[in-house]
Amino acid sequence: MKEIGRVGFMEKPVPRPGPLDAVVRTTAALICTSDSHTVKGGIGPRENLTLGHEAVGVVHEVGDEVKDFRPGDRVLVGAITPDWGDLASQNGHPSQSGAPLGGFKFANSKDGVFAEYFHVNEADANLAKIPDEVTDEMAVYCADMLSTGFMGAENGNIPIGGTVAVLAQGPVGLMATAGAKLRGAGLVIGVESVPRRQKLARVYGADEIVDFTTENVVERVHELTHGQGVDTAIEALGAEATFQSAVEITKPGGTVSNTGYYGEGEFVRIPRIAWGVGMADKTISTGLCPGGRLRMDRLLRMLVTKRIDPTHMTTHTFRFDEMERAFEVADKKLDDVVKVLISF
């Protein structure tokens, strides 16, 4: 990111690790919609900032005090790399270490992963070794998409046999759909208009699809739930209208689980009546992608045991030297794109 609205390549020196840190040589990365939000100014102005936060690679160098990783280790790096000694981490919210969203360092407060080499703080806590049977192209999805999507389901308080609606079936929404199924939902409703994403939603566990371009989402969800609304609505887009629909389709006592990145506007409004004028026992739960080695190890285990295959979402692959075109495809949603993989 050269500045707001402008991206391109530039040369930078290979970073060096501090005593607890590592430098990773990138082998595969994914482009996220959050990168587009950042370039458009979603988190404020940035100059000459390396983008990207989803990557795997090989350890290039480690600091003197790193215990569990050595050069040559094949590793997954979480999109969120908390400071584990911070008070927020000790209070159970490591993604917020140092400040709100403070664990979100890549392409925010430091250079990201769209580079031949990148720096990782607190390597022993923020790296995970990739099992031999898991490919780089599969493991890289654990950095953010699996972790964030599954978080949407985890934060959604889904009862066994409960009803869930996932609003938007982009990569995070698709993984939230898969997470809802894994958590035991009895009915999963995917809200999506794009045919390719509708098909993927069914692959990952959606029982019903609601197309917001041809039908009223609130009315259709209430029809599918016999007028009750859902136990859990997962907002996976980051748009005020979608959030409002999520509140409207959630039954009293249910949970709205938000994973969306709201990159525009000063406020996100809550529909007053659907919220029970503030007293309908509807919980609004928010969260940032969980980071850390334990989280990554658990997600990698899901791949080893074949609970899920995220590579169905990879619709485009580019070489690193084609990054500018790759970013354009992802940013402008060209060629029916779902997820763009970058190979190094």
Protein backbone atom coordinates (compact mmCIF):
# COMPACT_ATOMS: atom_id res chain seq x y z
CA MET A 1 0.00 0.00 0.00
CA LYS A 2 1.80 3.13 -1.23
CA GLU A 3 -0.98 5.35 0.13
CA ILE A 4 -4.77 5.30 0.35
CA GLY A 5 -6.08 4.00 -2.97
CA ARG A 6 -2.70 3.00 -4.44
CA VAL A 7 -0.79 -0.28 -4.34
CA GLY A 8 2.42 -1.51 -5.97
CA PHE A 9 5.73 -3.26 -5.46
CA MET A 10 8.72 -1.84 -3.62
CA GLU A 11 12.07 -3.11 -2.33
CA LYS A 12 12.65 -3.44 1.40
CA PRO A 13 15.47 -5.08 3.37
CA VAL A 14 14.97 -8.56 4.82
CA PRO A 15 13.76 -8.03 8.41
CA ARG A 16 15.77 -9.24 11.40
CA PRO A 17 14.23 -10.98 14.42
CA GLY A 18 14.38 -9.78 17.99
CA PRO A 19 15.34 -12.29 20.72
CA LEU A 20 11.82 -13.81 20.88
CA ASP A 21 10.92 -13.37 17.22
CA ALA A 22 11.28 -15.10 13.86
CA VAL A 23 11.62 -14.20 10.20
CA VAL A 24 9.68 -16.42 7.80
CA ARG A 25 10.31 -16.97 4.09
CA THR A 26 6.87 -16.92 2.48
CA THR A 27 5.71 -19.89 0.41
CA ALA A 28 1.97 -19.22 0.04
CA ALA A 29 -0.44 -16.43 0.92
CA LEU A 30 -4.09 -15.47 0.48
CA ILE A 31 -5.66 -12.11 -0.34
CA CYS A 32 -8.37 -10.98 2.07
CA THR A 33 -11.13 -8.42 1.59
CA SER A 34 -9.69 -6.70 4.66
CA ASP A 35 -6.69 -5.76 2.52
CA SER A 36 -9.05 -3.92 0.19
CA HIS A 37 -10.70 -2.13 3.13
CA THR A 38 -7.26 -1.08 4.37
CA VAL A 39 -6.21 0.30 0.97
CA LYS A 40 -9.45 2.27 0.81
CA GLY A 41 -8.69 3.88 4.18
CA GLY A 42 -10.67 1.65 6.53
CA ILE A 43 -8.06 1.94 9.30
CA GLY A 44 -6.73 5.33 8.31
CA PRO A 45 -3.80 6.50 6.19
CA ARG A 46 -0.79 4.23 5.69
CA GLU A 47 2.28 4.83 3.52
CA ASN A 48 4.53 2.18 1.98
CA LEU A 49 2.99 -0.50 4.17
CA THR A 50 3.36 -4.11 3.08
CA LEU A 51 -0.11 -5.66 2.87
CA GLY A 52 -1.33 -9.16 3.72
CA HIS A 53 -1.97 -11.18 6.86
CA GLU A 54 -2.61 -14.75 5.67
CA ALA A 55 0.55 -16.76 4.99
CA VAL A 56 2.58 -19.89 5.52
CA GLY A 57 6.28 -20.36 4.96
CA VAL A 58 9.60 -21.71 6.12
CA VAL A 59 11.46 -20.31 9.12
CA HIS A 60 14.43 -18.28 7.85
CA GLU A 61 15.88 -17.00 11.12
CA VAL A 62 14.96 -17.04 14.80
CA GLY A 63 15.98 -14.96 17.80
CA ASP A 64 18.29 -16.28 20.49
CA GLU A 65 15.49 -16.98 22.95
CA VAL A 66 13.14 -18.87 20.60
CA LYS A 67 12.84 -22.43 21.95
CA ASP A 68 10.52 -24.44 19.70
CA PHE A 69 11.31 -23.38 16.13
CA ARG A 70 14.39 -23.56 13.97
CA PRO A 71 15.36 -22.44 10.44
CA GLY A 72 13.84 -24.83 7.91
CA ASP A 73 10.66 -25.53 9.89
CA ARG A 74 7.51 -25.32 7.80
CA VAL A 75 5.12 -23.03 9.66
CA LEU A 76 1.69 -21.46 9.73
CA VAL A 77 1.41 -17.91 11.04
CA GLY A 78 -1.85 -16.59 12.47
CA ALA A 79 -3.27 -13.43 10.94
CA ILE A 80 -3.42 -12.12 14.50
CA THR A 81 -0.14 -12.18 16.44
CA PRO A 82 -0.89 -11.03 19.99
CA ASP A 83 1.49 -9.82 22.66
CA TRP A 84 0.87 -12.66 25.09
CA GLY A 85 2.13 -10.87 28.19
CA ASP A 86 -0.28 -7.97 27.74
CA LEU A 87 -3.05 -7.45 30.30
CA ALA A 88 -5.75 -7.95 27.65
CA SER A 89 -4.22 -11.35 26.84
CA GLN A 90 -4.17 -12.26 30.52
CA ASN A 91 -7.82 -11.24 30.68
CA GLY A 92 -8.72 -13.69 27.91
CA HIS A 93 -8.76 -11.28 24.97
CA PRO A 94 -5.37 -11.63 23.26
CA SER A 95 -6.59 -10.25 19.93
CA GLN A 96 -7.07 -6.93 21.73
CA SER A 97 -3.58 -6.88 23.26
CA GLY A 98 -2.12 -3.40 23.55
CA ALA A 99 -5.22 -1.65 22.16
CA PRO A 100 -8.55 -2.42 20.51
CA LEU A 101 -7.62 -4.79 17.63
CA GLY A 102 -4.02 -4.56 18.86
CA GLY A 103 -3.25 -8.17 17.99
CA PHE A 104 -3.91 -7.27 14.36
CA LYS A 105 -0.37 -6.20 13.50
CA PHE A 106 0.24 -7.37 9.93
CA ALA A 107 -0.63 -4.63 7.42
CA ASN A 108 -1.79 -2.44 10.26
CA SER A 109 0.93 -1.52 12.74
CA LYS A 110 3.74 -3.39 10.93
CA ASP A 111 4.56 -4.78 7.50
CA GLY A 112 2.43 -7.70 6.38
CA VAL A 113 3.09 -10.96 4.57
CA PHE A 114 2.94 -10.04 0.87
CA ALA A 115 6.72 -10.15 0.74
CA GLU A 116 9.46 -12.71 0.26
CA TYR A 117 10.25 -12.50 4.00
CA PHE A 118 8.23 -11.23 6.95
CA HIS A 119 8.75 -10.74 10.68
CA VAL A 120 6.74 -12.56 13.39
CA ASN A 121 6.71 -11.37 17.00
CA GLU A 122 6.82 -13.90 19.88
CA ALA A 123 7.54 -16.84 17.60
CA ASP A 124 6.97 -19.62 20.14
CA ALA A 125 3.43 -18.36 20.74
CA ASN A 126 2.50 -17.20 17.23
CA LEU A 127 3.89 -19.92 14.93
CA ALA A 128 2.62 -23.48 14.43
CA LYS A 129 4.38 -26.33 12.66
CA ILE A 130 2.49 -27.66 9.65
CA PRO A 131 2.03 -31.45 9.67
CA ASP A 132 3.65 -33.26 6.76
CA GLU A 133 0.31 -34.45 5.39
CA VAL A 134 -1.07 -30.90 5.08
CA THR A 135 -0.12 -28.84 2.02
CA ASP A 136 0.81 -25.18 2.17
CA GLU A 137 -2.18 -24.40 -0.05
CA MET A 138 -4.49 -25.94 2.55
CA ALA A 139 -2.72 -24.81 5.73
CA VAL A 140 -2.76 -21.14 4.75
CA TYR A 141 -6.55 -21.06 5.24
CA CYS A 142 -6.02 -21.60 8.96
CA ALA A 143 -4.33 -18.21 9.29
CA ASP A 144 -7.61 -16.32 9.08
CA MET A 145 -10.54 -17.82 7.16
CA LEU A 146 -11.02 -20.97 9.28
CA SER A 147 -10.15 -19.15 12.48
CA THR A 148 -12.49 -16.20 11.87
CA GLY A 149 -15.34 -18.21 10.38
CA PHE A 150 -15.24 -20.77 13.15
CA MET A 151 -15.09 -17.93 15.68
CA GLY A 152 -18.39 -16.69 14.28
CA ALA A 153 -19.94 -20.05 15.08
CA GLU A 154 -18.20 -20.35 18.46
CA ASN A 155 -19.38 -16.89 19.55
CA GLY A 156 -22.88 -17.64 18.30
CA ASN A 157 -23.97 -19.81 21.22
CA ILE A 158 -25.36 -22.41 18.83
CA PRO A 159 -27.42 -25.07 20.63
CA ILE A 160 -27.29 -28.66 19.39
CA GLY A 161 -30.04 -28.85 16.77
CA GLY A 162 -30.43 -25.08 16.76
CA THR A 163 -31.17 -22.79 13.83
CA VAL A 164 -28.47 -20.62 12.28
CA ALA A 165 -28.40 -18.06 9.47
CA VAL A 166 -25.09 -16.98 7.97
CA LEU A 167 -25.42 -13.68 6.14
CA ALA A 168 -23.00 -13.58 3.17
CA GLN A 169 -21.13 -16.60 1.87
CA GLY A 170 -17.74 -15.15 1.15
CA PRO A 171 -14.78 -17.10 2.54
CA VAL A 172 -15.45 -16.13 6.16
CA GLY A 173 -19.16 -16.81 5.77
CA LEU A 174 -18.47 -20.19 4.18
CA MET A 175 -16.25 -21.15 7.10
CA ALA A 176 -18.89 -19.87 9.52
CA THR A 177 -21.38 -22.14 7.73
CA ALA A 178 -18.99 -25.07 8.13
CA GLY A 179 -18.42 -24.11 11.75
CA ALA A 180 -22.16 -24.01 12.46
CA LYS A 181 -22.53 -27.52 11.08
CA LEU A 182 -19.56 -28.73 13.13
CA ARG A 183 -21.10 -27.15 16.25
CA GLY A 184 -24.25 -29.21 15.77
CA ALA A 185 -26.74 -26.82 14.19
CA GLY A 186 -29.92 -28.56 13.05
CA LEU A 187 -30.70 -26.02 10.32
CA VAL A 188 -28.16 -23.80 8.58
CA ILE A 189 -29.45 -21.05 6.27
CA GLY A 190 -26.98 -19.36 3.94
CA VAL A 191 -27.83 -15.89 2.65
CA GLU A 192 -26.12 -15.32 -0.70
CA SER A 193 -26.91 -14.28 -4.29
CA VAL A 194 -23.84 -15.45 -6.25
CA PRO A 195 -24.42 -18.94 -7.73
CA ARG A 196 -20.85 -20.17 -7.20
CA ARG A 197 -20.97 -19.13 -3.54
CA GLN A 198 -24.41 -20.63 -3.11
CA LYS A 199 -23.04 -23.94 -4.36
CA LEU A 200 -20.05 -23.75 -2.02
CA ALA A 201 -22.37 -22.91 0.88
CA ARG A 202 -24.16 -26.21 0.32
CA VAL A 203 -20.80 -28.02 0.13
CA TYR A 204 -19.89 -26.59 3.54
CA GLY A 205 -23.20 -27.37 5.23
CA ALA A 206 -25.98 -24.96 4.30
CA ASP A 207 -29.39 -26.67 4.26
CA GLU A 208 -31.23 -23.73 2.72
CA ILE A 209 -30.14 -20.78 0.58
CA VAL A 210 -31.85 -17.40 0.66
CA ASP A 211 -31.07 -15.09 -2.26
CA PHE A 212 -31.43 -11.50 -1.07
CA THR A 213 -31.79 -10.25 -4.66
CA THR A 214 -34.97 -12.23 -5.28
CA GLU A 215 -36.61 -12.54 -1.87
CA ASN A 216 -36.97 -10.71 1.43
CA VAL A 217 -34.37 -12.19 3.75
CA VAL A 218 -36.22 -11.44 6.98
CA GLU A 219 -39.52 -12.84 5.74
CA ARG A 220 -37.94 -15.96 4.25
CA VAL A 221 -35.90 -16.77 7.34
CA HIS A 222 -38.95 -16.41 9.53
CA GLU A 223 -40.83 -18.68 7.15
CA LEU A 224 -38.08 -21.32 7.35
CA THR A 225 -38.11 -21.13 11.16
CA HIS A 226 -41.92 -21.20 11.49
CA GLY A 227 -42.07 -17.58 12.56
CA GLN A 228 -39.58 -17.88 15.40
CA GLY A 229 -36.38 -16.52 13.91
CA VAL A 230 -33.00 -18.17 14.32
CA ASP A 231 -31.09 -19.01 17.46
CA THR A 232 -27.96 -17.53 15.88
CA ALA A 233 -27.38 -15.04 13.09
CA ILE A 234 -23.78 -14.70 11.91
CA GLU A 235 -22.99 -11.46 10.10
CA ALA A 236 -20.11 -12.20 7.72
CA LEU A 237 -20.06 -9.18 5.44
CA GLY A 238 -19.56 -5.98 7.42
CA ALA A 239 -22.46 -3.91 6.07
CA GLU A 240 -24.99 -2.01 8.14
CA ALA A 241 -27.97 -3.37 6.20
CA THR A 242 -26.76 -6.94 6.70
CA PHE A 243 -26.22 -6.33 10.41
CA GLN A 244 -29.72 -4.95 10.75
CA SER A 245 -31.14 -8.02 9.00
CA ALA A 246 -29.16 -10.19 11.42
CA VAL A 247 -30.83 -8.47 14.39
CA GLU A 248 -34.26 -8.76 12.77
CA ILE A 249 -34.02 -12.51 12.08
CA THR A 250 -32.68 -13.44 15.53
CA LYS A 251 -35.29 -14.73 17.97
CA PRO A 252 -35.63 -13.24 21.46
CA GLY A 253 -32.90 -14.77 23.57
CA GLY A 254 -30.77 -15.49 20.50
CA THR A 255 -27.31 -14.30 19.49
CA VAL A 256 -26.06 -12.06 16.71
CA SER A 257 -22.45 -13.08 16.11
CA ASN A 258 -20.52 -10.46 14.18
CA THR A 259 -17.42 -11.26 12.14
CA GLY A 260 -17.77 -8.40 9.64
CA TYR A 261 -15.27 -5.57 9.16
CA TYR A 262 -17.24 -2.29 8.96
CA GLY A 263 -14.95 -0.14 6.85
CA GLU A 264 -17.24 2.83 6.25
CA GLY A 265 -19.33 5.34 8.21
CA GLU A 266 -19.25 6.64 11.76
CA PHE A 267 -21.99 4.44 13.21
CA VAL A 268 -23.66 1.06 12.80
CA ARG A 269 -27.34 1.38 13.73
CA ILE A 270 -29.44 -1.25 15.49
CA PRO A 271 -33.10 -1.61 14.44
CA ARG A 272 -34.95 -0.50 17.59
CA ILE A 273 -38.15 -2.54 17.39
CA ALA A 274 -36.45 -5.74 16.23
CA TRP A 275 -34.08 -5.29 19.18
CA GLY A 276 -37.08 -5.31 21.47
CA VAL A 277 -36.45 -1.60 22.16
CA GLY A 278 -33.29 -2.82 23.86
CA MET A 279 -34.93 -5.52 26.02
CA ALA A 280 -35.38 -8.66 23.87
CA ASP A 281 -32.50 -10.60 25.44
CA LYS A 282 -30.69 -10.55 22.11
CA THR A 283 -26.94 -10.82 22.55
CA ILE A 284 -24.63 -9.07 20.10
CA SER A 285 -21.25 -10.80 20.16
CA THR A 286 -18.20 -9.44 18.36
CA GLY A 287 -14.70 -10.72 17.91
CA LEU A 288 -11.46 -10.49 15.98
CA CYS A 289 -9.86 -13.61 14.51
CA PRO A 290 -8.27 -15.56 17.38
CA GLY A 291 -4.51 -15.89 17.14
CA GLY A 292 -1.87 -18.05 18.74
CA ARG A 293 -0.18 -21.39 18.40
CA LEU A 294 -2.81 -23.42 20.25
CA ARG A 295 -5.54 -22.09 17.97
CA MET A 296 -3.47 -22.85 14.87
CA ASP A 297 -2.62 -26.37 16.09
CA ARG A 298 -6.31 -27.13 16.63
CA LEU A 299 -7.26 -25.86 13.18
CA LEU A 300 -4.49 -27.85 11.52
CA ARG A 301 -5.80 -30.94 13.31
CA MET A 302 -9.15 -30.38 11.57
CA LEU A 303 -7.32 -30.62 8.25
CA VAL A 304 -5.33 -33.73 9.21
CA THR A 305 -8.51 -35.56 10.24
CA LYS A 306 -10.31 -34.32 7.11
CA ARG A 307 -13.11 -32.57 8.98
CA ILE A 308 -12.98 -29.86 6.33
CA ASP A 309 -11.25 -29.00 3.06
CA PRO A 310 -10.98 -25.21 2.63
CA THR A 311 -9.28 -25.44 -0.77
CA HIS A 312 -12.66 -25.60 -2.51
CA MET A 313 -12.64 -21.81 -2.02
CA THR A 314 -9.47 -21.27 -4.07
CA THR A 315 -10.74 -19.99 -7.41
CA HIS A 316 -7.61 -18.18 -8.61
CA THR A 317 -3.86 -18.71 -8.22
CA PHE A 318 -1.20 -16.15 -9.12
CA ARG A 319 2.57 -15.96 -8.74
CA PHE A 320 3.93 -13.32 -6.39
CA ASP A 321 5.22 -11.27 -9.32
CA GLU A 322 1.61 -11.09 -10.54
CA MET A 323 0.45 -9.61 -7.24
CA GLU A 324 -0.88 -6.35 -8.63
CA ARG A 325 -3.21 -8.18 -11.02
CA ALA A 326 -4.17 -10.63 -8.26
CA PHE A 327 -5.11 -7.77 -5.96
CA GLU A 328 -7.21 -6.18 -8.69
CA VAL A 329 -9.12 -9.44 -9.23
CA ALA A 330 -9.77 -9.79 -5.50
CA ASP A 331 -10.60 -6.14 -4.89
CA LYS A 332 -13.01 -5.74 -7.81
CA LYS A 333 -14.51 -9.25 -7.42
CA LEU A 334 -13.64 -10.11 -11.01
CA ASP A 335 -14.15 -13.44 -12.77
CA ASP A 336 -16.48 -14.86 -10.10
CA VAL A 337 -13.63 -14.87 -7.58
CA VAL A 338 -13.98 -16.39 -4.13
CA LYS A 339 -10.40 -16.59 -2.82
CA VAL A 340 -7.06 -15.76 -4.45
CA LEU A 341 -3.96 -17.81 -3.61
CA ILE A 342 -0.48 -16.38 -4.13
CA SER A 343 2.42 -18.78 -4.68
CA PHE A 344 6.01 -17.74 -3.98
